[in-house]
């Protein structure tokens, strides 16, 4: 996944976290930026957290700054740049 890719939100029925996007909605968005952050726990093992900054076609799904931070597993690529 990279900047410029067209993505769609994927609803995961087994997810236990609260849903921000209303049930049954699968908005389209454009990947703006991919962020990778290395997290280190007490045992000095690395975990890489990947978040995707998306600009949704429907403005109400974007944050105050005009984009939304999403988990990579919540998105499917519809078209690569």
PDB file of N, CA and C in Angstrom:
ATOM      1  N   UNK A   1       0.859  -1.164   0.000  1.00  0.00           N
ATOM      2  CA  UNK A   1       0.000   0.000   0.000  1.00  0.00           C
ATOM      3  C   UNK A   1       0.905   1.226   0.000  1.00  0.00           C
ATOM      4  N   UNK A   2       0.576   2.206  -0.864  1.00  0.00           N
ATOM      5  CA  UNK A   2       1.393   3.412  -0.948  1.00  0.00           C
ATOM      6  C   UNK A   2       0.529   4.619  -1.298  1.00  0.00           C
ATOM      7  N   UNK A   3       1.118   5.785  -1.195  1.00  0.00           N
ATOM      8  CA  UNK A   3       0.412   7.031  -1.510  1.00  0.00           C
ATOM      9  C   UNK A   3      -0.160   6.975  -2.916  1.00  0.00           C
ATOM     10  N   UNK A   4      -1.413   7.406  -3.052  1.00  0.00           N
ATOM     11  CA  UNK A   4      -2.083   7.425  -4.343  1.00  0.00           C
ATOM     12  C   UNK A   4      -2.959   6.217  -4.619  1.00  0.00           C
ATOM     13  N   UNK A   5      -2.856   5.156  -3.814  1.00  0.00           N
ATOM     14  CA  UNK A   5      -3.702   3.977  -4.000  1.00  0.00           C
ATOM     15  C   UNK A   5      -5.150   4.296  -3.627  1.00  0.00           C
ATOM     16  N   UNK A   6      -6.095   3.718  -4.360  1.00  0.00           N
ATOM     17  CA  UNK A   6      -7.516   3.844  -4.055  1.00  0.00           C
ATOM     18  C   UNK A   6      -7.896   2.680  -3.149  1.00  0.00           C
ATOM     19  N   UNK A   7      -8.496   2.977  -2.007  1.00  0.00           N
ATOM     20  CA  UNK A   7      -8.834   1.942  -1.029  1.00  0.00           C
ATOM     21  C   UNK A   7     -10.310   2.004  -0.648  1.00  0.00           C
ATOM     22  N   UNK A   8     -10.756   0.934  -0.042  1.00  0.00           N
ATOM     23  CA  UNK A   8     -12.117   0.844   0.480  1.00  0.00           C
ATOM     24  C   UNK A   8     -12.029   0.290   1.895  1.00  0.00           C
ATOM     25  N   UNK A   9     -12.901   0.778   2.762  1.00  0.00           N
ATOM     26  CA  UNK A   9     -12.976   0.284   4.136  1.00  0.00           C
ATOM     27  C   UNK A   9     -13.536  -1.130   4.143  1.00  0.00           C
ATOM     28  N   UNK A  10     -12.943  -2.007   4.945  1.00  0.00           N
ATOM     29  CA  UNK A  10     -13.397  -3.393   5.063  1.00  0.00           C
ATOM     30  C   UNK A  10     -14.010  -3.585   6.441  1.00  0.00           C
ATOM     31  N   UNK A  11     -15.234  -4.028   6.477  1.00  0.00           N
ATOM     32  CA  UNK A  11     -15.905  -4.272   7.754  1.00  0.00           C
ATOM     33  C   UNK A  11     -15.517  -5.656   8.252  1.00  0.00           C
ATOM     34  N   UNK A  12     -14.987  -5.705   9.464  1.00  0.00           N
ATOM     35  CA  UNK A  12     -14.583  -6.982  10.066  1.00  0.00           C
ATOM     36  C   UNK A  12     -15.617  -7.356  11.123  1.00  0.00           C
ATOM     37  N   UNK A  13     -16.458  -8.340  10.828  1.00  0.00           N
ATOM     38  CA  UNK A  13     -17.558  -8.659  11.752  1.00  0.00           C
ATOM     39  C   UNK A  13     -17.108  -9.132  13.129  1.00  0.00           C
ATOM     40  N   UNK A  14     -15.921  -9.696  13.249  1.00  0.00           N
ATOM     41  CA  UNK A  14     -15.465 -10.204  14.545  1.00  0.00           C
ATOM     42  C   UNK A  14     -14.695  -9.167  15.357  1.00  0.00           C
ATOM     43  N   UNK A  15     -14.534  -7.969  14.836  1.00  0.00           N
ATOM     44  CA  UNK A  15     -13.792  -6.926  15.553  1.00  0.00           C
ATOM     45  C   UNK A  15     -14.525  -6.558  16.841  1.00  0.00           C
ATOM     46  N   UNK A  16     -13.768  -6.379  17.907  1.00  0.00           N
ATOM     47  CA  UNK A  16     -14.371  -6.051  19.199  1.00  0.00           C
ATOM     48  C   UNK A  16     -14.320  -4.553  19.490  1.00  0.00           C
ATOM     49  N   UNK A  17     -13.569  -3.817  18.685  1.00  0.00           N
ATOM     50  CA  UNK A  17     -13.478  -2.375  18.892  1.00  0.00           C
ATOM     51  C   UNK A  17     -14.737  -1.690  18.383  1.00  0.00           C
ATOM     52  N   UNK A  18     -15.072  -0.521  18.923  1.00  0.00           N
ATOM     53  CA  UNK A  18     -16.245   0.198  18.434  1.00  0.00           C
ATOM     54  C   UNK A  18     -16.079   0.585  16.963  1.00  0.00           C
ATOM     55  N   UNK A  19     -17.153   0.551  16.224  1.00  0.00           N
ATOM     56  CA  UNK A  19     -17.117   0.885  14.804  1.00  0.00           C
ATOM     57  C   UNK A  19     -17.356   2.379  14.638  1.00  0.00           C
ATOM     58  N   UNK A  20     -16.480   3.026  13.887  1.00  0.00           N
ATOM     59  CA  UNK A  20     -16.624   4.451  13.615  1.00  0.00           C
ATOM     60  C   UNK A  20     -17.461   4.645  12.357  1.00  0.00           C
ATOM     61  N   UNK A  21     -17.194   3.825  11.349  1.00  0.00           N
ATOM     62  CA  UNK A  21     -17.953   3.891  10.097  1.00  0.00           C
ATOM     63  C   UNK A  21     -19.251   3.113  10.304  1.00  0.00           C
ATOM     64  N   UNK A  22     -20.389   3.669   9.952  1.00  0.00           N
ATOM     65  CA  UNK A  22     -21.669   2.975  10.153  1.00  0.00           C
ATOM     66  C   UNK A  22     -21.709   1.605   9.464  1.00  0.00           C
ATOM     67  N   UNK A  23     -22.385   0.667  10.104  1.00  0.00           N
ATOM     68  CA  UNK A  23     -22.505  -0.690   9.572  1.00  0.00           C
ATOM     69  C   UNK A  23     -23.059  -0.676   8.148  1.00  0.00           C
ATOM     70  N   UNK A  24     -22.460  -1.500   7.296  1.00  0.00           N
ATOM     71  CA  UNK A  24     -22.929  -1.614   5.919  1.00  0.00           C
ATOM     72  C   UNK A  24     -22.356  -0.570   4.974  1.00  0.00           C
ATOM     73  N   UNK A  25     -21.595   0.392   5.502  1.00  0.00           N
ATOM     74  CA  UNK A  25     -20.983   1.419   4.656  1.00  0.00           C
ATOM     75  C   UNK A  25     -19.556   0.988   4.336  1.00  0.00           C
ATOM     76  N   UNK A  26     -19.170   1.136   3.094  1.00  0.00           N
ATOM     77  CA  UNK A  26     -17.802   0.797   2.681  1.00  0.00           C
ATOM     78  C   UNK A  26     -17.242   1.937   1.847  1.00  0.00           C
ATOM     79  N   UNK A  27     -16.853   3.020   2.527  1.00  0.00           N
ATOM     80  CA  UNK A  27     -16.411   4.222   1.816  1.00  0.00           C
ATOM     81  C   UNK A  27     -15.131   4.010   1.014  1.00  0.00           C
ATOM     82  N   UNK A  28     -14.983   4.838  -0.013  1.00  0.00           N
ATOM     83  CA  UNK A  28     -13.777   4.851  -0.834  1.00  0.00           C
ATOM     84  C   UNK A  28     -12.878   5.974  -0.346  1.00  0.00           C
ATOM     85  N   UNK A  29     -11.568   5.756  -0.463  1.00  0.00           N
ATOM     86  CA  UNK A  29     -10.630   6.791  -0.053  1.00  0.00           C
ATOM     87  C   UNK A  29      -9.334   6.699  -0.826  1.00  0.00           C
ATOM     88  N   UNK A  30      -8.531   7.714  -0.680  1.00  0.00           N
ATOM     89  CA  UNK A  30      -7.243   7.803  -1.344  1.00  0.00           C
ATOM     90  C   UNK A  30      -6.157   7.797  -0.273  1.00  0.00           C
ATOM     91  N   UNK A  31      -5.166   6.902  -0.435  1.00  0.00           N
ATOM     92  CA  UNK A  31      -4.060   6.847   0.518  1.00  0.00           C
ATOM     93  C   UNK A  31      -3.201   8.098   0.332  1.00  0.00           C
ATOM     94  N   UNK A  32      -3.020   8.842   1.419  1.00  0.00           N
ATOM     95  CA  UNK A  32      -2.210  10.049   1.398  1.00  0.00           C
ATOM     96  C   UNK A  32      -0.780   9.733   1.827  1.00  0.00           C
ATOM     97  N   UNK A  33      -0.640   8.918   2.873  1.00  0.00           N
ATOM     98  CA  UNK A  33       0.684   8.627   3.411  1.00  0.00           C
ATOM     99  C   UNK A  33       0.626   7.334   4.218  1.00  0.00           C
ATOM    100  N   UNK A  34       1.713   6.578   4.221  1.00  0.00           N
ATOM    101  CA  UNK A  34       1.840   5.365   5.023  1.00  0.00           C
ATOM    102  C   UNK A  34       2.873   5.637   6.108  1.00  0.00           C
ATOM    103  N   UNK A  35       2.469   5.461   7.374  1.00  0.00           N
ATOM    104  CA  UNK A  35       3.376   5.693   8.503  1.00  0.00           C
ATOM    105  C   UNK A  35       3.776   4.358   9.116  1.00  0.00           C
ATOM    106  N   UNK A  36       5.070   4.182   9.318  1.00  0.00           N
ATOM    107  CA  UNK A  36       5.583   3.012  10.033  1.00  0.00           C
ATOM    108  C   UNK A  36       6.299   3.505  11.275  1.00  0.00           C
ATOM    109  N   UNK A  37       5.961   2.895  12.411  1.00  0.00           N
ATOM    110  CA  UNK A  37       6.579   3.296  13.662  1.00  0.00           C
ATOM    111  C   UNK A  37       7.052   2.047  14.381  1.00  0.00           C
ATOM    112  N   UNK A  38       8.293   2.073  14.828  1.00  0.00           N
ATOM    113  CA  UNK A  38       8.860   0.948  15.564  1.00  0.00           C
ATOM    114  C   UNK A  38       8.556   1.120  17.042  1.00  0.00           C
ATOM    115  N   UNK A  39       7.951   0.102  17.629  1.00  0.00           N
ATOM    116  CA  UNK A  39       7.633   0.112  19.056  1.00  0.00           C
ATOM    117  C   UNK A  39       8.493  -0.951  19.733  1.00  0.00           C
ATOM    118  N   UNK A  40       9.064  -0.626  20.868  1.00  0.00           N
ATOM    119  CA  UNK A  40       9.930  -1.568  21.582  1.00  0.00           C
ATOM    120  C   UNK A  40       9.295  -1.865  22.939  1.00  0.00           C
ATOM    121  N   UNK A  41       9.207  -3.159  23.279  1.00  0.00           N
ATOM    122  CA  UNK A  41       8.672  -3.507  24.601  1.00  0.00           C
ATOM    123  C   UNK A  41       9.829  -3.746  25.576  1.00  0.00           C
ATOM    124  N   UNK A  42       9.517  -4.184  26.786  1.00  0.00           N
ATOM    125  CA  UNK A  42      10.530  -4.375  27.836  1.00  0.00           C
ATOM    126  C   UNK A  42      11.577  -5.422  27.459  1.00  0.00           C
ATOM    127  N   UNK A  43      11.229  -6.365  26.621  1.00  0.00           N
ATOM    128  CA  UNK A  43      12.158  -7.440  26.253  1.00  0.00           C
ATOM    129  C   UNK A  43      13.025  -7.060  25.063  1.00  0.00           C
ATOM    130  N   UNK A  44      12.964  -5.782  24.664  1.00  0.00           N
ATOM    131  CA  UNK A  44      13.760  -5.270  23.549  1.00  0.00           C
ATOM    132  C   UNK A  44      13.427  -5.921  22.207  1.00  0.00           C
ATOM    133  N   UNK A  45      12.213  -6.394  22.047  1.00  0.00           N
ATOM    134  CA  UNK A  45      11.802  -6.906  20.737  1.00  0.00           C
ATOM    135  C   UNK A  45      11.019  -5.810  20.030  1.00  0.00           C
ATOM    136  N   UNK A  46      11.246  -5.691  18.741  1.00  0.00           N
ATOM    137  CA  UNK A  46      10.596  -4.640  17.957  1.00  0.00           C
ATOM    138  C   UNK A  46       9.262  -5.089  17.400  1.00  0.00           C
ATOM    139  N   UNK A  47       8.342  -4.161  17.372  1.00  0.00           N
ATOM    140  CA  UNK A  47       7.055  -4.333  16.716  1.00  0.00           C
ATOM    141  C   UNK A  47       6.899  -3.142  15.789  1.00  0.00           C
ATOM    142  N   UNK A  48       6.522  -3.385  14.552  1.00  0.00           N
ATOM    143  CA  UNK A  48       6.315  -2.286  13.622  1.00  0.00           C
ATOM    144  C   UNK A  48       4.823  -2.055  13.472  1.00  0.00           C
ATOM    145  N   UNK A  49       4.404  -0.836  13.803  1.00  0.00           N
ATOM    146  CA  UNK A  49       3.001  -0.461  13.687  1.00  0.00           C
ATOM    147  C   UNK A  49       2.831   0.348  12.400  1.00  0.00           C
ATOM    148  N   UNK A  50       1.907  -0.091  11.546  1.00  0.00           N
ATOM    149  CA  UNK A  50       1.670   0.589  10.278  1.00  0.00           C
ATOM    150  C   UNK A  50       0.291   1.230  10.319  1.00  0.00           C
ATOM    151  N   UNK A  51       0.255   2.538  10.096  1.00  0.00           N
ATOM    152  CA  UNK A  51      -1.021   3.234   9.988  1.00  0.00           C
ATOM    153  C   UNK A  51      -1.062   3.945   8.641  1.00  0.00           C
ATOM    154  N   UNK A  52      -2.252   4.028   8.093  1.00  0.00           N
ATOM    155  CA  UNK A  52      -2.451   4.608   6.771  1.00  0.00           C
ATOM    156  C   UNK A  52      -3.273   5.888   6.917  1.00  0.00           C
ATOM    157  N   UNK A  53      -2.775   6.978   6.353  1.00  0.00           N
ATOM    158  CA  UNK A  53      -3.528   8.233   6.346  1.00  0.00           C
ATOM    159  C   UNK A  53      -4.350   8.262   5.063  1.00  0.00           C
ATOM    160  N   UNK A  54      -5.666   8.345   5.216  1.00  0.00           N
ATOM    161  CA  UNK A  54      -6.601   8.247   4.097  1.00  0.00           C
ATOM    162  C   UNK A  54      -7.452   9.507   4.017  1.00  0.00           C
ATOM    163  N   UNK A  55      -7.713   9.960   2.813  1.00  0.00           N
ATOM    164  CA  UNK A  55      -8.687  11.033   2.577  1.00  0.00           C
ATOM    165  C   UNK A  55      -9.908  10.355   1.970  1.00  0.00           C
ATOM    166  N   UNK A  56     -10.988  10.274   2.739  1.00  0.00           N
ATOM    167  CA  UNK A  56     -12.207   9.602   2.299  1.00  0.00           C
ATOM    168  C   UNK A  56     -12.994  10.478   1.328  1.00  0.00           C
ATOM    169  N   UNK A  57     -13.704   9.829   0.413  1.00  0.00           N
ATOM    170  CA  UNK A  57     -14.541  10.535  -0.563  1.00  0.00           C
ATOM    171  C   UNK A  57     -15.668  11.292   0.148  1.00  0.00           C
ATOM    172  N   UNK A  58     -16.173  10.731   1.231  1.00  0.00           N
ATOM    173  CA  UNK A  58     -17.207  11.391   2.027  1.00  0.00           C
ATOM    174  C   UNK A  58     -16.513  12.188   3.140  1.00  0.00           C
ATOM    175  N   UNK A  59     -16.530  13.511   3.079  1.00  0.00           N
ATOM    176  CA  UNK A  59     -15.791  14.344   4.041  1.00  0.00           C
ATOM    177  C   UNK A  59     -16.131  14.086   5.507  1.00  0.00           C
ATOM    178  N   UNK A  60     -17.324  13.604   5.818  1.00  0.00           N
ATOM    179  CA  UNK A  60     -17.674  13.403   7.231  1.00  0.00           C
ATOM    180  C   UNK A  60     -16.889  12.257   7.879  1.00  0.00           C
ATOM    181  N   UNK A  61     -16.250  11.404   7.075  1.00  0.00           N
ATOM    182  CA  UNK A  61     -15.424  10.319   7.623  1.00  0.00           C
ATOM    183  C   UNK A  61     -13.992  10.766   7.860  1.00  0.00           C
ATOM    184  N   UNK A  62     -13.637  11.973   7.430  1.00  0.00           N
ATOM    185  CA  UNK A  62     -12.299  12.506   7.666  1.00  0.00           C
ATOM    186  C   UNK A  62     -12.270  13.241   9.000  1.00  0.00           C
ATOM    187  N   UNK A  63     -11.077  13.367   9.558  1.00  0.00           N
ATOM    188  CA  UNK A  63     -10.921  14.097  10.813  1.00  0.00           C
ATOM    189  C   UNK A  63     -10.925  15.595  10.588  1.00  0.00           C
ATOM    190  N   UNK A  64     -10.653  16.336  11.629  1.00  0.00           N
ATOM    191  CA  UNK A  64     -10.644  17.800  11.549  1.00  0.00           C
ATOM    192  C   UNK A  64      -9.594  18.311  10.564  1.00  0.00           C
ATOM    193  N   UNK A  65      -8.504  17.557  10.407  1.00  0.00           N
ATOM    194  CA  UNK A  65      -7.437  17.964   9.502  1.00  0.00           C
ATOM    195  C   UNK A  65      -7.684  17.519   8.054  1.00  0.00           C
ATOM    196  N   UNK A  66      -8.838  16.892   7.800  1.00  0.00           N
ATOM    197  CA  UNK A  66      -9.201  16.498   6.442  1.00  0.00           C
ATOM    198  C   UNK A  66      -8.757  15.108   6.032  1.00  0.00           C
ATOM    199  N   UNK A  67      -8.102  14.387   6.951  1.00  0.00           N
ATOM    200  CA  UNK A  67      -7.699  13.008   6.671  1.00  0.00           C
ATOM    201  C   UNK A  67      -8.043  12.135   7.874  1.00  0.00           C
ATOM    202  N   UNK A  68      -7.941  10.829   7.669  1.00  0.00           N
ATOM    203  CA  UNK A  68      -8.269   9.880   8.719  1.00  0.00           C
ATOM    204  C   UNK A  68      -7.124   8.886   8.865  1.00  0.00           C
ATOM    205  N   UNK A  69      -6.775   8.535  10.102  1.00  0.00           N
ATOM    206  CA  UNK A  69      -5.715   7.560  10.354  1.00  0.00           C
ATOM    207  C   UNK A  69      -6.364   6.192  10.513  1.00  0.00           C
ATOM    208  N   UNK A  70      -5.964   5.239   9.678  1.00  0.00           N
ATOM    209  CA  UNK A  70      -6.594   3.924   9.652  1.00  0.00           C
ATOM    210  C   UNK A  70      -5.573   2.811   9.845  1.00  0.00           C
ATOM    211  N   UNK A  71      -6.066   1.686  10.320  1.00  0.00           N
ATOM    212  CA  UNK A  71      -5.247   0.480  10.434  1.00  0.00           C
ATOM    213  C   UNK A  71      -5.198  -0.188   9.052  1.00  0.00           C
ATOM    214  N   UNK A  72      -4.026  -0.654   8.667  1.00  0.00           N
ATOM    215  CA  UNK A  72      -3.843  -1.264   7.346  1.00  0.00           C
ATOM    216  C   UNK A  72      -4.805  -2.433   7.115  1.00  0.00           C
ATOM    217  N   UNK A  73      -5.086  -3.211   8.156  1.00  0.00           N
ATOM    218  CA  UNK A  73      -5.955  -4.389   8.002  1.00  0.00           C
ATOM    219  C   UNK A  73      -7.425  -4.017   7.784  1.00  0.00           C
ATOM    220  N   UNK A  74      -7.781  -2.747   7.983  1.00  0.00           N
ATOM    221  CA  UNK A  74      -9.163  -2.295   7.779  1.00  0.00           C
ATOM    222  C   UNK A  74      -9.400  -1.775   6.366  1.00  0.00           C
ATOM    223  N   UNK A  75      -8.374  -1.897   5.515  1.00  0.00           N
ATOM    224  CA  UNK A  75      -8.473  -1.359   4.154  1.00  0.00           C
ATOM    225  C   UNK A  75      -8.165  -2.424   3.118  1.00  0.00           C
ATOM    226  N   UNK A  76      -8.842  -2.326   1.976  1.00  0.00           N
ATOM    227  CA  UNK A  76      -8.499  -3.172   0.838  1.00  0.00           C
ATOM    228  C   UNK A  76      -8.168  -2.257  -0.333  1.00  0.00           C
ATOM    229  N   UNK A  77      -7.172  -2.652  -1.111  1.00  0.00           N
ATOM    230  CA  UNK A  77      -6.777  -1.857  -2.267  1.00  0.00           C
ATOM    231  C   UNK A  77      -7.696  -2.181  -3.432  1.00  0.00           C
ATOM    232  N   UNK A  78      -8.288  -1.147  -4.021  1.00  0.00           N
ATOM    233  CA  UNK A  78      -9.116  -1.310  -5.207  1.00  0.00           C
ATOM    234  C   UNK A  78      -8.325  -1.042  -6.474  1.00  0.00           C
ATOM    235  N   UNK A  79      -7.420  -0.077  -6.395  1.00  0.00           N
ATOM    236  CA  UNK A  79      -6.585   0.248  -7.551  1.00  0.00           C
ATOM    237  C   UNK A  79      -5.264   0.823  -7.062  1.00  0.00           C
ATOM    238  N   UNK A  80      -4.180   0.254  -7.552  1.00  0.00           N
ATOM    239  CA  UNK A  80      -2.855   0.771  -7.216  1.00  0.00           C
ATOM    240  C   UNK A  80      -2.507   1.935  -8.120  1.00  0.00           C
ATOM    241  N   UNK A  81      -1.711   2.853  -7.579  1.00  0.00           N
ATOM    242  CA  UNK A  81      -1.274   4.004  -8.364  1.00  0.00           C
ATOM    243  C   UNK A  81      -0.350   3.559  -9.480  1.00  0.00           C
TER     244      UNK A  81
END
